[in-house]
């Protein structure tokens, strides 16, 4: 089958795969992307100083200077996928099959970025525990902890004066199972919706919290680290596919296809980002 479409088509297909079914792109602020950037570049995250209100009295008004605070987002990561297609097998590889392959290539790179976003729990300024330093435990006999878990996340963000917006929590599949168990005998509930319009890992709202399920959360020392905050307000993500090219391979009767993705991640407002500590050994 003759192939006449490459370049921009495959780049868009790979980009679709890069963002498909992954949580990181949903919860991060991605407005810091520039038109042109490459590995080693630095993006500036600019914030404005907080103003102070004062008691008003006649002839006693002071004017504050507005100062900028800038943080650096380093474009320091690069990932690639490369594959070849022998001429002898070209007739068996249709455009539809190639679309599937390139989409998967984008997904594999996107999964890497997603895991990096989840690892940002280490830079969160807040910790969520059941009590003291005891991680949340959600089991078949303690599924009632589900309301306390999400209620505590909302309370912490409000006490931290987090910006208004959609609160999110990224939790592991075991918590999704515990939610199902919690509502199993309670009949229809308006608390947890079945609206999956955002992506396949969105599971609706629980007590005012948008719940996302991810298998990319970090687990260590029997603790799974969930991530919570206000969507688009604390973690910056800049990633893109900058190279998608076809070339004739030297010494082979075959074409090569290679795709390069670069990017960087930065927690720029740790004061409103929460590391949700879950005892994964007893979940569900």
C-alpha atoms as a PDB file:
ATOM      1  CA  UNK A   1       0.000   0.000   0.000  1.00  0.00           C
ATOM      2  CA  UNK A   2       1.470   3.332  -1.043  1.00  0.00           C
ATOM      3  CA  UNK A   3       2.006   5.758   1.829  1.00  0.00           C
ATOM      4  CA  UNK A   4       1.622   9.447   1.092  1.00  0.00           C
ATOM      5  CA  UNK A   5       0.937  10.853   4.555  1.00  0.00           C
ATOM      6  CA  UNK A   6       3.689  11.301   7.133  1.00  0.00           C
ATOM      7  CA  UNK A   7       5.112  14.160   9.144  1.00  0.00           C
ATOM      8  CA  UNK A   8       2.401  16.334  10.641  1.00  0.00           C
ATOM      9  CA  UNK A   9      -0.169  13.526  10.608  1.00  0.00           C
ATOM     10  CA  UNK A  10       1.981  11.166  12.651  1.00  0.00           C
ATOM     11  CA  UNK A  11       3.010  13.988  15.009  1.00  0.00           C
ATOM     12  CA  UNK A  12      -0.629  14.690  15.822  1.00  0.00           C
ATOM     13  CA  UNK A  13      -1.338  10.986  16.269  1.00  0.00           C
ATOM     14  CA  UNK A  14       1.635  10.632  18.625  1.00  0.00           C
ATOM     15  CA  UNK A  15       0.523  13.716  20.588  1.00  0.00           C
ATOM     16  CA  UNK A  16      -2.920  12.178  21.012  1.00  0.00           C
ATOM     17  CA  UNK A  17      -1.248   9.087  22.461  1.00  0.00           C
ATOM     18  CA  UNK A  18       0.963  11.256  24.683  1.00  0.00           C
ATOM     19  CA  UNK A  19      -2.103  12.660  26.437  1.00  0.00           C
ATOM     20  CA  UNK A  20      -4.424   9.659  26.281  1.00  0.00           C
ATOM     21  CA  UNK A  21      -5.832   8.240  29.523  1.00  0.00           C
ATOM     22  CA  UNK A  22      -3.098   9.775  31.690  1.00  0.00           C
ATOM     23  CA  UNK A  23      -3.731  11.837  34.799  1.00  0.00           C
ATOM     24  CA  UNK A  24      -0.704  14.149  34.930  1.00  0.00           C
ATOM     25  CA  UNK A  25      -1.780  16.391  32.052  1.00  0.00           C
ATOM     26  CA  UNK A  26      -5.209  16.801  33.675  1.00  0.00           C
ATOM     27  CA  UNK A  27      -4.023  18.114  37.042  1.00  0.00           C
ATOM     28  CA  UNK A  28      -0.970  20.184  36.037  1.00  0.00           C
ATOM     29  CA  UNK A  29      -0.628  23.736  34.814  1.00  0.00           C
ATOM     30  CA  UNK A  30       0.659  23.562  31.240  1.00  0.00           C
ATOM     31  CA  UNK A  31       0.426  27.258  30.323  1.00  0.00           C
ATOM     32  CA  UNK A  32       4.193  27.708  30.538  1.00  0.00           C
ATOM     33  CA  UNK A  33       4.837  26.037  27.205  1.00  0.00           C
ATOM     34  CA  UNK A  34       6.548  28.327  24.696  1.00  0.00           C
ATOM     35  CA  UNK A  35       6.348  28.287  20.927  1.00  0.00           C
ATOM     36  CA  UNK A  36       9.975  27.213  20.585  1.00  0.00           C
ATOM     37  CA  UNK A  37      11.990  25.363  23.193  1.00  0.00           C
ATOM     38  CA  UNK A  38      14.396  22.495  23.399  1.00  0.00           C
ATOM     39  CA  UNK A  39      16.178  20.290  25.901  1.00  0.00           C
ATOM     40  CA  UNK A  40      18.303  22.419  28.184  1.00  0.00           C
ATOM     41  CA  UNK A  41      16.023  25.459  27.921  1.00  0.00           C
ATOM     42  CA  UNK A  42      14.479  27.142  30.954  1.00  0.00           C
ATOM     43  CA  UNK A  43      10.873  28.330  31.228  1.00  0.00           C
ATOM     44  CA  UNK A  44       9.995  31.034  33.751  1.00  0.00           C
ATOM     45  CA  UNK A  45       7.038  30.580  36.074  1.00  0.00           C
ATOM     46  CA  UNK A  46       6.105  34.098  37.138  1.00  0.00           C
ATOM     47  CA  UNK A  47       4.013  34.814  40.225  1.00  0.00           C
ATOM     48  CA  UNK A  48       2.767  38.106  41.657  1.00  0.00           C
ATOM     49  CA  UNK A  49       3.276  39.157  45.278  1.00  0.00           C
ATOM     50  CA  UNK A  50       0.346  38.978  47.706  1.00  0.00           C
ATOM     51  CA  UNK A  51      -1.236  42.306  48.648  1.00  0.00           C
ATOM     52  CA  UNK A  52      -2.230  43.310  52.200  1.00  0.00           C
ATOM     53  CA  UNK A  53      -5.510  44.933  53.183  1.00  0.00           C
ATOM     54  CA  UNK A  54      -5.359  47.652  55.869  1.00  0.00           C
ATOM     55  CA  UNK A  55      -7.762  49.652  57.987  1.00  0.00           C
ATOM     56  CA  UNK A  56      -8.902  52.788  56.191  1.00  0.00           C
ATOM     57  CA  UNK A  57      -8.493  56.208  57.778  1.00  0.00           C
ATOM     58  CA  UNK A  58      -8.555  59.600  56.096  1.00  0.00           C
ATOM     59  CA  UNK A  59      -5.271  60.740  54.567  1.00  0.00           C
ATOM     60  CA  UNK A  60      -3.529  57.507  55.519  1.00  0.00           C
ATOM     61  CA  UNK A  61      -3.303  55.322  52.416  1.00  0.00           C
ATOM     62  CA  UNK A  62      -0.078  53.539  51.552  1.00  0.00           C
ATOM     63  CA  UNK A  63       0.586  51.986  48.170  1.00  0.00           C
ATOM     64  CA  UNK A  64       2.418  48.684  47.889  1.00  0.00           C
ATOM     65  CA  UNK A  65       4.881  47.746  45.203  1.00  0.00           C
ATOM     66  CA  UNK A  66       3.916  44.791  43.050  1.00  0.00           C
ATOM     67  CA  UNK A  67       6.847  42.413  42.882  1.00  0.00           C
ATOM     68  CA  UNK A  68       7.312  39.381  40.667  1.00  0.00           C
ATOM     69  CA  UNK A  69       8.626  36.075  41.906  1.00  0.00           C
ATOM     70  CA  UNK A  70      10.057  33.812  39.265  1.00  0.00           C
ATOM     71  CA  UNK A  71      10.764  30.086  39.434  1.00  0.00           C
ATOM     72  CA  UNK A  72      12.584  28.071  36.832  1.00  0.00           C
ATOM     73  CA  UNK A  73      11.164  25.100  34.973  1.00  0.00           C
ATOM     74  CA  UNK A  74      14.028  23.194  33.390  1.00  0.00           C
ATOM     75  CA  UNK A  75      13.415  21.264  30.187  1.00  0.00           C
ATOM     76  CA  UNK A  76      15.719  18.487  31.301  1.00  0.00           C
ATOM     77  CA  UNK A  77      14.092  15.217  30.229  1.00  0.00           C
ATOM     78  CA  UNK A  78      13.973  13.566  26.819  1.00  0.00           C
ATOM     79  CA  UNK A  79      12.354  10.296  25.752  1.00  0.00           C
ATOM     80  CA  UNK A  80      12.152   8.588  22.388  1.00  0.00           C
ATOM     81  CA  UNK A  81      10.513   5.666  20.619  1.00  0.00           C
ATOM     82  CA  UNK A  82      11.982   4.245  17.410  1.00  0.00           C
ATOM     83  CA  UNK A  83      10.835   1.374  15.216  1.00  0.00           C
ATOM     84  CA  UNK A  84      11.446   0.012  11.724  1.00  0.00           C
ATOM     85  CA  UNK A  85       9.332  -1.478   8.965  1.00  0.00           C
ATOM     86  CA  UNK A  86      10.850  -3.812   6.433  1.00  0.00           C
ATOM     87  CA  UNK A  87       9.835  -3.240   2.834  1.00  0.00           C
ATOM     88  CA  UNK A  88       8.934  -6.909   2.534  1.00  0.00           C
ATOM     89  CA  UNK A  89       6.282  -6.480   5.217  1.00  0.00           C
ATOM     90  CA  UNK A  90       5.009  -3.044   4.140  1.00  0.00           C
ATOM     91  CA  UNK A  91       1.999  -4.408   2.291  1.00  0.00           C
ATOM     92  CA  UNK A  92       0.772  -5.929   5.554  1.00  0.00           C
ATOM     93  CA  UNK A  93       1.004  -2.633   7.462  1.00  0.00           C
ATOM     94  CA  UNK A  94      -1.898  -0.349   6.567  1.00  0.00           C
ATOM     95  CA  UNK A  95      -2.316   3.308   7.480  1.00  0.00           C
ATOM     96  CA  UNK A  96      -4.785   2.210  10.167  1.00  0.00           C
ATOM     97  CA  UNK A  97      -2.228  -0.153  11.683  1.00  0.00           C
ATOM     98  CA  UNK A  98       0.439   2.549  11.611  1.00  0.00           C
ATOM     99  CA  UNK A  99      -1.936   4.928  13.418  1.00  0.00           C
ATOM    100  CA  UNK A 100      -2.310   2.351  16.174  1.00  0.00           C
ATOM    101  CA  UNK A 101       1.463   1.900  16.425  1.00  0.00           C
ATOM    102  CA  UNK A 102       2.218   5.631  16.557  1.00  0.00           C
ATOM    103  CA  UNK A 103      -0.550   6.234  19.102  1.00  0.00           C
ATOM    104  CA  UNK A 104       0.984   3.568  21.322  1.00  0.00           C
ATOM    105  CA  UNK A 105       4.406   5.193  20.931  1.00  0.00           C
ATOM    106  CA  UNK A 106       2.964   8.458  22.219  1.00  0.00           C
ATOM    107  CA  UNK A 107       1.238   6.661  25.078  1.00  0.00           C
ATOM    108  CA  UNK A 108       4.449   4.958  26.191  1.00  0.00           C
ATOM    109  CA  UNK A 109       6.233   8.314  26.384  1.00  0.00           C
ATOM    110  CA  UNK A 110       3.224   9.898  28.087  1.00  0.00           C
ATOM    111  CA  UNK A 111       3.255   7.170  30.720  1.00  0.00           C
ATOM    112  CA  UNK A 112       6.802   8.231  31.616  1.00  0.00           C
ATOM    113  CA  UNK A 113       5.747  11.877  32.117  1.00  0.00           C
ATOM    114  CA  UNK A 114       2.718  10.755  34.115  1.00  0.00           C
ATOM    115  CA  UNK A 115       4.939   8.814  36.526  1.00  0.00           C
ATOM    116  CA  UNK A 116       7.167  11.890  36.953  1.00  0.00           C
ATOM    117  CA  UNK A 117       4.128  13.992  37.885  1.00  0.00           C
ATOM    118  CA  UNK A 118       3.069  11.413  40.481  1.00  0.00           C
ATOM    119  CA  UNK A 119       6.595  11.470  41.950  1.00  0.00           C
ATOM    120  CA  UNK A 120       6.076  15.164  42.766  1.00  0.00           C
ATOM    121  CA  UNK A 121       4.435  14.034  46.015  1.00  0.00           C
ATOM    122  CA  UNK A 122       7.991  14.351  47.398  1.00  0.00           C
ATOM    123  CA  UNK A 123       7.833  18.123  46.830  1.00  0.00           C
ATOM    124  CA  UNK A 124       4.394  18.626  48.367  1.00  0.00           C
ATOM    125  CA  UNK A 125       4.268  20.988  51.326  1.00  0.00           C
ATOM    126  CA  UNK A 126       1.351  19.212  53.026  1.00  0.00           C
ATOM    127  CA  UNK A 127       0.932  15.634  54.275  1.00  0.00           C
ATOM    128  CA  UNK A 128      -2.361  13.814  54.685  1.00  0.00           C
ATOM    129  CA  UNK A 129      -2.500  11.131  57.397  1.00  0.00           C
ATOM    130  CA  UNK A 130      -5.353   9.388  59.191  1.00  0.00           C
ATOM    131  CA  UNK A 131      -3.873  10.425  62.557  1.00  0.00           C
ATOM    132  CA  UNK A 132      -0.494  11.938  63.327  1.00  0.00           C
ATOM    133  CA  UNK A 133       1.922  10.096  61.074  1.00  0.00           C
ATOM    134  CA  UNK A 134      -0.256   7.006  60.590  1.00  0.00           C
ATOM    135  CA  UNK A 135      -1.183   6.497  56.906  1.00  0.00           C
ATOM    136  CA  UNK A 136      -4.803   6.143  55.881  1.00  0.00           C
ATOM    137  CA  UNK A 137      -6.027   2.545  56.066  1.00  0.00           C
ATOM    138  CA  UNK A 138      -8.960   1.549  53.883  1.00  0.00           C
ATOM    139  CA  UNK A 139     -10.038  -2.079  54.135  1.00  0.00           C
ATOM    140  CA  UNK A 140     -13.158  -4.175  53.821  1.00  0.00           C
ATOM    141  CA  UNK A 141     -13.894  -3.412  57.471  1.00  0.00           C
ATOM    142  CA  UNK A 142     -12.836   0.245  57.438  1.00  0.00           C
ATOM    143  CA  UNK A 143     -14.329   1.418  54.142  1.00  0.00           C
ATOM    144  CA  UNK A 144     -16.065   4.112  56.184  1.00  0.00           C
ATOM    145  CA  UNK A 145     -12.698   5.880  56.157  1.00  0.00           C
ATOM    146  CA  UNK A 146     -13.512   6.956  52.603  1.00  0.00           C
ATOM    147  CA  UNK A 147     -15.533  10.053  53.673  1.00  0.00           C
ATOM    148  CA  UNK A 148     -12.871  10.995  56.245  1.00  0.00           C
ATOM    149  CA  UNK A 149     -10.106  10.685  53.645  1.00  0.00           C
ATOM    150  CA  UNK A 150     -11.660  13.046  51.117  1.00  0.00           C
ATOM    151  CA  UNK A 151     -13.087  15.338  53.777  1.00  0.00           C
ATOM    152  CA  UNK A 152      -9.607  15.771  55.257  1.00  0.00           C
ATOM    153  CA  UNK A 153      -8.155  16.695  51.850  1.00  0.00           C
ATOM    154  CA  UNK A 154     -10.767  19.443  51.400  1.00  0.00           C
ATOM    155  CA  UNK A 155     -10.158  20.739  54.938  1.00  0.00           C
ATOM    156  CA  UNK A 156      -6.387  20.879  54.491  1.00  0.00           C
ATOM    157  CA  UNK A 157      -6.604  22.835  51.258  1.00  0.00           C
ATOM    158  CA  UNK A 158      -9.069  25.323  52.708  1.00  0.00           C
ATOM    159  CA  UNK A 159      -6.899  25.848  55.784  1.00  0.00           C
ATOM    160  CA  UNK A 160      -3.925  26.427  53.464  1.00  0.00           C
ATOM    161  CA  UNK A 161      -5.919  29.157  51.657  1.00  0.00           C
ATOM    162  CA  UNK A 162      -5.596  27.270  48.390  1.00  0.00           C
ATOM    163  CA  UNK A 163      -6.901  29.085  45.295  1.00  0.00           C
ATOM    164  CA  UNK A 164     -10.509  28.410  44.407  1.00  0.00           C
ATOM    165  CA  UNK A 165     -10.910  25.745  41.777  1.00  0.00           C
ATOM    166  CA  UNK A 166     -11.517  22.060  41.242  1.00  0.00           C
ATOM    167  CA  UNK A 167      -9.949  19.977  43.996  1.00  0.00           C
ATOM    168  CA  UNK A 168      -8.428  16.703  42.835  1.00  0.00           C
ATOM    169  CA  UNK A 169      -7.039  13.566  44.417  1.00  0.00           C
ATOM    170  CA  UNK A 170      -5.031  10.936  42.554  1.00  0.00           C
ATOM    171  CA  UNK A 171      -5.367   7.560  44.272  1.00  0.00           C
ATOM    172  CA  UNK A 172      -4.459   3.942  43.419  1.00  0.00           C
ATOM    173  CA  UNK A 173      -6.910   1.328  42.058  1.00  0.00           C
ATOM    174  CA  UNK A 174      -7.337  -0.093  45.570  1.00  0.00           C
ATOM    175  CA  UNK A 175      -9.050   3.110  46.672  1.00  0.00           C
ATOM    176  CA  UNK A 176     -11.415   2.877  43.710  1.00  0.00           C
ATOM    177  CA  UNK A 177     -12.278  -0.608  44.924  1.00  0.00           C
ATOM    178  CA  UNK A 178     -12.856   0.703  48.459  1.00  0.00           C
ATOM    179  CA  UNK A 179     -15.164   3.429  47.107  1.00  0.00           C
ATOM    180  CA  UNK A 180     -17.190   0.769  45.306  1.00  0.00           C
ATOM    181  CA  UNK A 181     -17.373  -1.235  48.521  1.00  0.00           C
ATOM    182  CA  UNK A 182     -18.418   1.824  50.521  1.00  0.00           C
ATOM    183  CA  UNK A 183     -21.347   2.607  48.227  1.00  0.00           C
ATOM    184  CA  UNK A 184     -22.146  -1.029  47.454  1.00  0.00           C
ATOM    185  CA  UNK A 185     -25.134  -1.312  49.796  1.00  0.00           C
ATOM    186  CA  UNK A 186     -26.152   2.328  49.884  1.00  0.00           C
ATOM    187  CA  UNK A 187     -28.124   2.497  46.649  1.00  0.00           C
ATOM    188  CA  UNK A 188     -27.739   5.250  44.054  1.00  0.00           C
ATOM    189  CA  UNK A 189     -25.534   8.072  45.231  1.00  0.00           C
ATOM    190  CA  UNK A 190     -25.158  11.606  43.939  1.00  0.00           C
ATOM    191  CA  UNK A 191     -21.761  11.813  45.645  1.00  0.00           C
ATOM    192  CA  UNK A 192     -19.888   9.680  43.136  1.00  0.00           C
ATOM    193  CA  UNK A 193     -20.861  10.219  39.522  1.00  0.00           C
ATOM    194  CA  UNK A 194     -20.479   7.859  36.579  1.00  0.00           C
ATOM    195  CA  UNK A 195     -19.365  10.700  34.318  1.00  0.00           C
ATOM    196  CA  UNK A 196     -16.144   9.631  32.596  1.00  0.00           C
ATOM    197  CA  UNK A 197     -16.021  12.480  30.086  1.00  0.00           C
ATOM    198  CA  UNK A 198     -12.561  13.745  31.108  1.00  0.00           C
ATOM    199  CA  UNK A 199     -10.596  10.568  30.533  1.00  0.00           C
ATOM    200  CA  UNK A 200     -10.646   6.887  31.334  1.00  0.00           C
ATOM    201  CA  UNK A 201      -8.952   7.421  34.701  1.00  0.00           C
ATOM    202  CA  UNK A 202     -11.458   9.996  35.983  1.00  0.00           C
ATOM    203  CA  UNK A 203     -13.974   8.507  38.396  1.00  0.00           C
ATOM    204  CA  UNK A 204     -16.213  11.458  39.182  1.00  0.00           C
ATOM    205  CA  UNK A 205     -16.551  13.584  42.307  1.00  0.00           C
ATOM    206  CA  UNK A 206     -16.371  12.307  45.858  1.00  0.00           C
ATOM    207  CA  UNK A 207     -17.414  14.825  48.536  1.00  0.00           C
ATOM    208  CA  UNK A 208     -16.366  17.708  46.315  1.00  0.00           C
ATOM    209  CA  UNK A 209     -13.101  16.087  45.197  1.00  0.00           C
ATOM    210  CA  UNK A 210     -12.416  15.038  41.600  1.00  0.00           C
ATOM    211  CA  UNK A 211     -11.100  11.489  41.939  1.00  0.00           C
ATOM    212  CA  UNK A 212      -8.498  10.172  39.494  1.00  0.00           C
ATOM    213  CA  UNK A 213      -7.132   6.634  39.472  1.00  0.00           C
ATOM    214  CA  UNK A 214      -3.492   6.024  38.593  1.00  0.00           C
ATOM    215  CA  UNK A 215      -1.215   3.018  38.657  1.00  0.00           C
ATOM    216  CA  UNK A 216       1.796   5.360  38.452  1.00  0.00           C
ATOM    217  CA  UNK A 217       1.724   6.395  42.103  1.00  0.00           C
ATOM    218  CA  UNK A 218       4.928   5.809  44.037  1.00  0.00           C
ATOM    219  CA  UNK A 219       4.960   3.055  46.674  1.00  0.00           C
ATOM    220  CA  UNK A 220       7.704   2.550  49.232  1.00  0.00           C
ATOM    221  CA  UNK A 221       7.995   1.186  52.779  1.00  0.00           C
ATOM    222  CA  UNK A 222       4.372  -0.033  52.616  1.00  0.00           C
ATOM    223  CA  UNK A 223       3.099   3.471  51.839  1.00  0.00           C
ATOM    224  CA  UNK A 224       1.466   4.501  48.572  1.00  0.00           C
ATOM    225  CA  UNK A 225       1.774   8.226  47.957  1.00  0.00           C
ATOM    226  CA  UNK A 226      -1.360   9.752  46.484  1.00  0.00           C
ATOM    227  CA  UNK A 227      -1.379  13.331  45.281  1.00  0.00           C
ATOM    228  CA  UNK A 228      -3.986  16.036  45.935  1.00  0.00           C
ATOM    229  CA  UNK A 229      -4.445  19.736  45.361  1.00  0.00           C
ATOM    230  CA  UNK A 230      -6.330  22.224  43.194  1.00  0.00           C
ATOM    231  CA  UNK A 231      -6.168  21.462  39.484  1.00  0.00           C
ATOM    232  CA  UNK A 232      -3.692  23.615  37.578  1.00  0.00           C
ATOM    233  CA  UNK A 233      -2.356  25.549  40.566  1.00  0.00           C
ATOM    234  CA  UNK A 234       0.716  23.840  42.028  1.00  0.00           C
ATOM    235  CA  UNK A 235       2.546  21.622  39.499  1.00  0.00           C
ATOM    236  CA  UNK A 236       3.799  22.874  36.129  1.00  0.00           C
ATOM    237  CA  UNK A 237       4.223  20.431  33.249  1.00  0.00           C
ATOM    238  CA  UNK A 238       5.742  21.332  29.885  1.00  0.00           C
ATOM    239  CA  UNK A 239       6.102  18.414  27.495  1.00  0.00           C
ATOM    240  CA  UNK A 240       5.698  17.957  23.798  1.00  0.00           C
ATOM    241  CA  UNK A 241       6.766  15.891  20.817  1.00  0.00           C
ATOM    242  CA  UNK A 242       9.370  17.914  18.956  1.00  0.00           C
ATOM    243  CA  UNK A 243      10.617  15.367  16.420  1.00  0.00           C
ATOM    244  CA  UNK A 244       8.702  12.777  14.411  1.00  0.00           C
ATOM    245  CA  UNK A 245      10.603  11.712  11.336  1.00  0.00           C
ATOM    246  CA  UNK A 246      10.934   8.943   8.800  1.00  0.00           C
ATOM    247  CA  UNK A 247      14.298   7.893   7.396  1.00  0.00           C
ATOM    248  CA  UNK A 248      15.755   5.186   5.185  1.00  0.00           C
ATOM    249  CA  UNK A 249      17.884   2.853   7.307  1.00  0.00           C
ATOM    250  CA  UNK A 250      21.452   2.271   6.205  1.00  0.00           C
ATOM    251  CA  UNK A 251      22.219  -1.349   5.392  1.00  0.00           C
ATOM    252  CA  UNK A 252      18.544  -2.434   5.499  1.00  0.00           C
ATOM    253  CA  UNK A 253      15.712  -2.505   3.013  1.00  0.00           C
ATOM    254  CA  UNK A 254      13.499  -0.758   5.520  1.00  0.00           C
ATOM    255  CA  UNK A 255      12.226   2.562   6.798  1.00  0.00           C
ATOM    256  CA  UNK A 256      12.827   3.804  10.333  1.00  0.00           C
ATOM    257  CA  UNK A 257      10.448   5.978  12.312  1.00  0.00           C
ATOM    258  CA  UNK A 258      11.644   7.879  15.382  1.00  0.00           C
ATOM    259  CA  UNK A 259       9.728  10.107  17.767  1.00  0.00           C
ATOM    260  CA  UNK A 260      11.281  12.386  20.389  1.00  0.00           C
ATOM    261  CA  UNK A 261       9.504  13.955  23.369  1.00  0.00           C
ATOM    262  CA  UNK A 262      11.070  16.497  25.724  1.00  0.00           C
ATOM    263  CA  UNK A 263       9.805  18.280  28.808  1.00  0.00           C
ATOM    264  CA  UNK A 264      10.128  19.281  32.420  1.00  0.00           C
ATOM    265  CA  UNK A 265       8.106  19.275  35.657  1.00  0.00           C
ATOM    266  CA  UNK A 266       8.134  21.657  38.626  1.00  0.00           C
ATOM    267  CA  UNK A 267       6.106  21.934  41.842  1.00  0.00           C
ATOM    268  CA  UNK A 268       5.955  25.715  42.065  1.00  0.00           C
ATOM    269  CA  UNK A 269       3.369  26.046  44.860  1.00  0.00           C
ATOM    270  CA  UNK A 270       4.171  23.298  47.391  1.00  0.00           C
ATOM    271  CA  UNK A 271       2.050  24.993  50.076  1.00  0.00           C
ATOM    272  CA  UNK A 272      -1.134  23.823  48.318  1.00  0.00           C
ATOM    273  CA  UNK A 273       0.031  20.375  47.228  1.00  0.00           C
ATOM    274  CA  UNK A 274      -0.705  17.310  49.386  1.00  0.00           C
ATOM    275  CA  UNK A 275       1.151  14.011  49.749  1.00  0.00           C
ATOM    276  CA  UNK A 276      -1.672  11.576  50.604  1.00  0.00           C
ATOM    277  CA  UNK A 277      -0.173   8.718  52.625  1.00  0.00           C
ATOM    278  CA  UNK A 278      -1.993   5.400  52.176  1.00  0.00           C
ATOM    279  CA  UNK A 279      -1.157   2.106  53.842  1.00  0.00           C
ATOM    280  CA  UNK A 280      -1.212  -0.005  50.688  1.00  0.00           C
ATOM    281  CA  UNK A 281      -0.653  -3.272  52.538  1.00  0.00           C
ATOM    282  CA  UNK A 282      -4.186  -3.194  53.933  1.00  0.00           C
ATOM    283  CA  UNK A 283      -6.162  -1.317  51.292  1.00  0.00           C
ATOM    284  CA  UNK A 284      -9.314  -3.197  50.222  1.00  0.00           C
END
